[in-house]
């Protein structure tokens, strides 16, 4: 009974802190990729290199990829790499560009988030439309999967952007189909953390009686935590 009382106290305290944080606009992260340019410079980068894929780690997000990615500058900044893209929120972007087929970029978070991404396609390579499978996962289980077919824009020197939102997941995979257009750029991403701290026993992003039930179930089974 003492541990349950302590749990209820922690839950109430965490709920108060979380509510205050959301009221103050905390828990929101934004990656424009422009901030990476002064640190690493434009060009080809391996996300596995220390400090690169983990650049946004202090905001709870890491980037990984099956191949090197290109950190590019927009048309207004010299268009290094010749991508014919200008970002919609700052000129920089992060792109799959290598001619290897089926590349994947993954964004991983330490807690479930709601995720908004601005994707850019370009006509610079004059190839077929982009076909990309987006898979979102939570605790290793698929939450959502969709296939995006993005038409190559014509007559637009800045590229064409498309906004997509995915909710309640901790991992977001973007995998290009084999032989798909390789100029596929992430202009910027924004995320809202859902985590409610240690009181969120069932990790559904909310503090309620379901967490109490989950705690009692674990406690009755002798869970040491």
Protein backbone atom coordinates (compact mmCIF):
# COMPACT_ATOMS: atom_id res chain seq x y z
CA UNK A 1 0.00 0.00 0.00
CA UNK A 2 2.90 2.34 0.77
CA UNK A 3 4.40 1.85 -2.71
CA UNK A 4 1.06 2.43 -4.38
CA UNK A 5 0.67 5.65 -2.39
CA UNK A 6 4.14 6.72 -3.44
CA UNK A 7 3.30 5.91 -7.06
CA UNK A 8 0.13 8.01 -6.91
CA UNK A 9 2.14 10.91 -5.50
CA UNK A 10 4.75 10.64 -8.26
CA UNK A 11 2.00 10.39 -10.89
CA UNK A 12 0.25 13.51 -9.60
CA UNK A 13 3.54 15.40 -9.45
CA UNK A 14 4.56 14.32 -12.95
CA UNK A 15 1.15 15.28 -14.32
CA UNK A 16 1.48 18.76 -12.86
CA UNK A 17 4.98 19.20 -14.29
CA UNK A 18 3.94 17.89 -17.70
CA UNK A 19 0.90 20.17 -17.84
CA UNK A 20 3.05 23.17 -16.95
CA UNK A 21 5.64 22.20 -19.55
CA UNK A 22 3.05 21.96 -22.31
CA UNK A 23 1.52 25.24 -21.23
CA UNK A 24 4.94 26.85 -21.54
CA UNK A 25 5.58 25.36 -24.97
CA UNK A 26 8.24 22.90 -23.78
CA UNK A 27 8.67 19.45 -25.23
CA UNK A 28 8.76 20.75 -28.81
CA UNK A 29 11.81 20.19 -31.00
CA UNK A 30 12.66 21.60 -34.41
CA UNK A 31 15.48 20.61 -36.78
CA UNK A 32 16.03 22.94 -39.74
CA UNK A 33 19.41 21.40 -40.64
CA UNK A 34 20.69 24.94 -41.29
CA UNK A 35 22.27 24.82 -37.83
CA UNK A 36 24.40 21.84 -38.90
CA UNK A 37 26.09 23.73 -41.76
CA UNK A 38 28.46 25.86 -39.60
CA UNK A 39 29.50 22.77 -37.62
CA UNK A 40 30.02 20.16 -40.33
CA UNK A 41 29.90 22.12 -43.57
CA UNK A 42 27.86 21.19 -46.62
CA UNK A 43 28.51 17.93 -48.41
CA UNK A 44 28.47 14.19 -47.83
CA UNK A 45 28.15 12.99 -44.22
CA UNK A 46 27.96 9.62 -42.53
CA UNK A 47 25.31 9.73 -39.80
CA UNK A 48 27.29 7.13 -37.86
CA UNK A 49 30.17 9.58 -37.42
CA UNK A 50 30.28 10.72 -33.78
CA UNK A 51 28.37 13.95 -33.32
CA UNK A 52 26.67 13.96 -36.73
CA UNK A 53 23.63 11.71 -36.38
CA UNK A 54 23.44 12.64 -32.71
CA UNK A 55 23.55 16.40 -33.38
CA UNK A 56 20.00 16.84 -32.02
CA UNK A 57 20.46 14.37 -29.19
CA UNK A 58 19.93 17.06 -26.54
CA UNK A 59 16.38 17.38 -27.88
CA UNK A 60 15.85 13.62 -27.77
CA UNK A 61 16.30 12.83 -31.48
CA UNK A 62 18.95 10.92 -33.41
CA UNK A 63 19.37 10.37 -37.17
CA UNK A 64 20.62 7.20 -38.82
CA UNK A 65 20.82 6.07 -42.44
CA UNK A 66 21.81 3.07 -44.51
CA UNK A 67 24.10 5.27 -46.59
CA UNK A 68 25.79 8.65 -46.38
CA UNK A 69 23.50 11.66 -46.62
CA UNK A 70 24.09 15.05 -48.19
CA UNK A 71 23.86 18.19 -46.08
CA UNK A 72 23.07 20.79 -48.67
CA UNK A 73 22.74 24.52 -49.01
CA UNK A 74 19.91 26.05 -50.99
CA UNK A 75 19.94 27.94 -54.26
CA UNK A 76 20.41 31.21 -52.39
CA UNK A 77 23.57 29.83 -50.73
CA UNK A 78 25.31 28.63 -53.86
CA UNK A 79 23.42 25.32 -54.31
CA UNK A 80 26.43 23.16 -53.43
CA UNK A 81 25.82 19.78 -55.02
CA UNK A 82 23.49 21.19 -57.69
CA UNK A 83 20.25 19.99 -56.10
CA UNK A 84 18.13 22.91 -57.38
CA UNK A 85 16.42 23.15 -53.99
CA UNK A 86 15.66 26.05 -51.67
CA UNK A 87 14.33 25.18 -48.23
CA UNK A 88 11.00 26.62 -47.15
CA UNK A 89 12.28 27.40 -43.64
CA UNK A 90 15.93 28.26 -44.14
CA UNK A 91 17.91 27.17 -47.22
CA UNK A 92 19.58 23.99 -45.89
CA UNK A 93 18.32 20.42 -46.19
CA UNK A 94 19.35 16.82 -45.52
CA UNK A 95 19.05 14.51 -48.52
CA UNK A 96 19.32 11.00 -49.85
CA UNK A 97 21.28 11.46 -53.05
CA UNK A 98 23.55 8.47 -53.64
CA UNK A 99 22.69 6.22 -56.61
CA UNK A 100 22.44 3.15 -54.40
CA UNK A 101 18.91 1.71 -54.43
CA UNK A 102 16.53 1.54 -51.51
CA UNK A 103 18.22 3.91 -49.07
CA UNK A 104 16.60 4.51 -45.68
CA UNK A 105 16.72 7.47 -43.30
CA UNK A 106 15.48 6.96 -39.73
CA UNK A 107 14.62 9.48 -37.05
CA UNK A 108 14.57 7.96 -33.55
CA UNK A 109 13.29 9.57 -30.35
CA UNK A 110 13.70 8.71 -26.70
CA UNK A 111 9.92 8.95 -26.17
CA UNK A 112 6.84 8.83 -28.42
CA UNK A 113 6.31 12.05 -30.36
CA UNK A 114 3.97 13.66 -32.85
CA UNK A 115 6.09 14.26 -35.94
CA UNK A 116 5.76 16.80 -38.76
CA UNK A 117 8.12 16.71 -41.75
CA UNK A 118 8.61 18.88 -44.83
CA UNK A 119 9.87 16.74 -47.72
CA UNK A 120 11.29 18.25 -50.90
CA UNK A 121 11.59 16.74 -54.35
CA UNK A 122 13.58 18.21 -57.20
CA UNK A 123 13.57 17.96 -60.98
CA UNK A 124 17.35 18.40 -61.22
CA UNK A 125 17.97 14.75 -62.14
CA UNK A 126 14.94 14.46 -64.45
CA UNK A 127 14.18 10.92 -63.32
CA UNK A 128 11.05 9.03 -62.35
CA UNK A 129 8.75 10.02 -59.50
CA UNK A 130 9.89 9.36 -55.96
CA UNK A 131 8.36 6.34 -54.27
CA UNK A 132 8.98 6.17 -50.53
CA UNK A 133 7.63 3.87 -47.83
CA UNK A 134 7.17 5.62 -44.49
CA UNK A 135 6.96 3.32 -41.47
CA UNK A 136 6.38 4.62 -37.96
CA UNK A 137 7.07 2.43 -34.95
CA UNK A 138 6.55 2.50 -31.21
CA UNK A 139 8.45 0.17 -28.90
CA UNK A 140 9.37 -1.92 -31.93
CA UNK A 141 5.78 -2.33 -33.14
CA UNK A 142 4.53 -0.76 -36.38
CA UNK A 143 2.07 2.07 -35.77
CA UNK A 144 1.53 3.18 -39.35
CA UNK A 145 2.86 2.50 -42.83
CA UNK A 146 2.19 4.36 -46.06
CA UNK A 147 3.65 4.58 -49.53
CA UNK A 148 4.28 8.08 -50.82
CA UNK A 149 4.50 8.76 -54.54
CA UNK A 150 5.89 12.24 -55.07
CA UNK A 151 5.76 13.65 -58.56
CA UNK A 152 8.84 15.38 -59.90
CA UNK A 153 8.03 19.10 -60.18
CA UNK A 154 8.53 20.91 -63.45
CA UNK A 155 9.49 24.53 -63.89
CA UNK A 156 10.19 25.10 -60.19
CA UNK A 157 13.86 25.86 -59.50
CA UNK A 158 13.35 25.62 -55.72
CA UNK A 159 11.89 22.13 -55.70
CA UNK A 160 8.49 21.11 -54.41
CA UNK A 161 7.68 20.52 -50.73
CA UNK A 162 5.11 18.24 -49.14
CA UNK A 163 4.14 18.22 -45.47
CA UNK A 164 3.33 14.97 -43.69
CA UNK A 165 2.36 14.36 -40.06
CA UNK A 166 2.71 11.11 -38.11
CA UNK A 167 1.62 10.75 -34.49
CA UNK A 168 2.44 8.66 -31.43
CA UNK A 169 5.64 6.89 -32.49
CA UNK A 170 9.29 6.85 -31.42
CA UNK A 171 10.88 5.79 -34.73
CA UNK A 172 10.21 7.05 -38.25
CA UNK A 173 11.70 5.22 -41.26
CA UNK A 174 11.75 6.73 -44.76
CA UNK A 175 12.79 4.09 -47.30
CA UNK A 176 13.09 4.80 -51.01
CA UNK A 177 11.99 2.19 -53.48
CA UNK A 178 14.75 0.72 -55.69
CA UNK A 179 15.50 2.93 -58.70
CA UNK A 180 13.42 5.78 -57.28
CA UNK A 181 14.50 9.38 -57.74
CA UNK A 182 17.46 9.92 -55.42
CA UNK A 183 16.93 13.63 -54.82
CA UNK A 184 14.73 13.26 -51.76
CA UNK A 185 15.35 15.92 -49.12
CA UNK A 186 14.21 16.62 -45.58
CA UNK A 187 13.84 20.39 -45.38
CA UNK A 188 12.86 20.53 -41.72
CA UNK A 189 11.15 18.42 -39.08
CA UNK A 190 9.23 19.33 -35.93
CA UNK A 191 8.20 17.08 -33.08
CA UNK A 192 6.12 17.27 -29.92
CA UNK A 193 7.12 14.91 -27.13
CA UNK A 194 4.27 12.87 -25.68
CA UNK A 195 6.15 11.32 -22.76
CA UNK A 196 4.78 12.01 -19.28
CA UNK A 197 7.73 10.81 -17.23
CA UNK A 198 8.08 7.76 -14.99
CA UNK A 199 4.38 7.86 -14.04
CA UNK A 200 3.37 6.87 -17.58
CA UNK A 201 3.62 3.14 -16.87
CA UNK A 202 1.85 1.94 -20.02
CA UNK A 203 3.66 4.56 -22.15
CA UNK A 204 0.55 5.81 -23.91
CA UNK A 205 1.50 9.46 -23.50
CA UNK A 206 -1.12 10.15 -20.82
CA UNK A 207 -1.39 9.89 -17.04
CA UNK A 208 -4.66 8.27 -15.95
CA UNK A 209 -6.20 5.31 -14.14
CA UNK A 210 -4.78 2.93 -16.77
CA UNK A 211 -1.29 3.68 -15.43
CA UNK A 212 -2.48 2.82 -11.92
CA UNK A 213 -3.89 -0.50 -13.17
CA UNK A 214 -0.66 -1.24 -15.03
CA UNK A 215 1.40 -0.44 -11.94
CA UNK A 216 -0.73 -2.65 -9.68
CA UNK A 217 -0.45 -5.50 -12.21
CA UNK A 218 3.33 -5.21 -12.33
CA UNK A 219 3.60 -4.86 -8.56
CA UNK A 220 1.46 -7.98 -7.99
CA UNK A 221 3.77 -9.92 -10.32
CA UNK A 222 6.78 -8.94 -8.27
CA UNK A 223 8.22 -6.38 -10.67
CA UNK A 224 11.36 -5.05 -8.87
CA UNK A 225 10.92 -1.57 -10.37
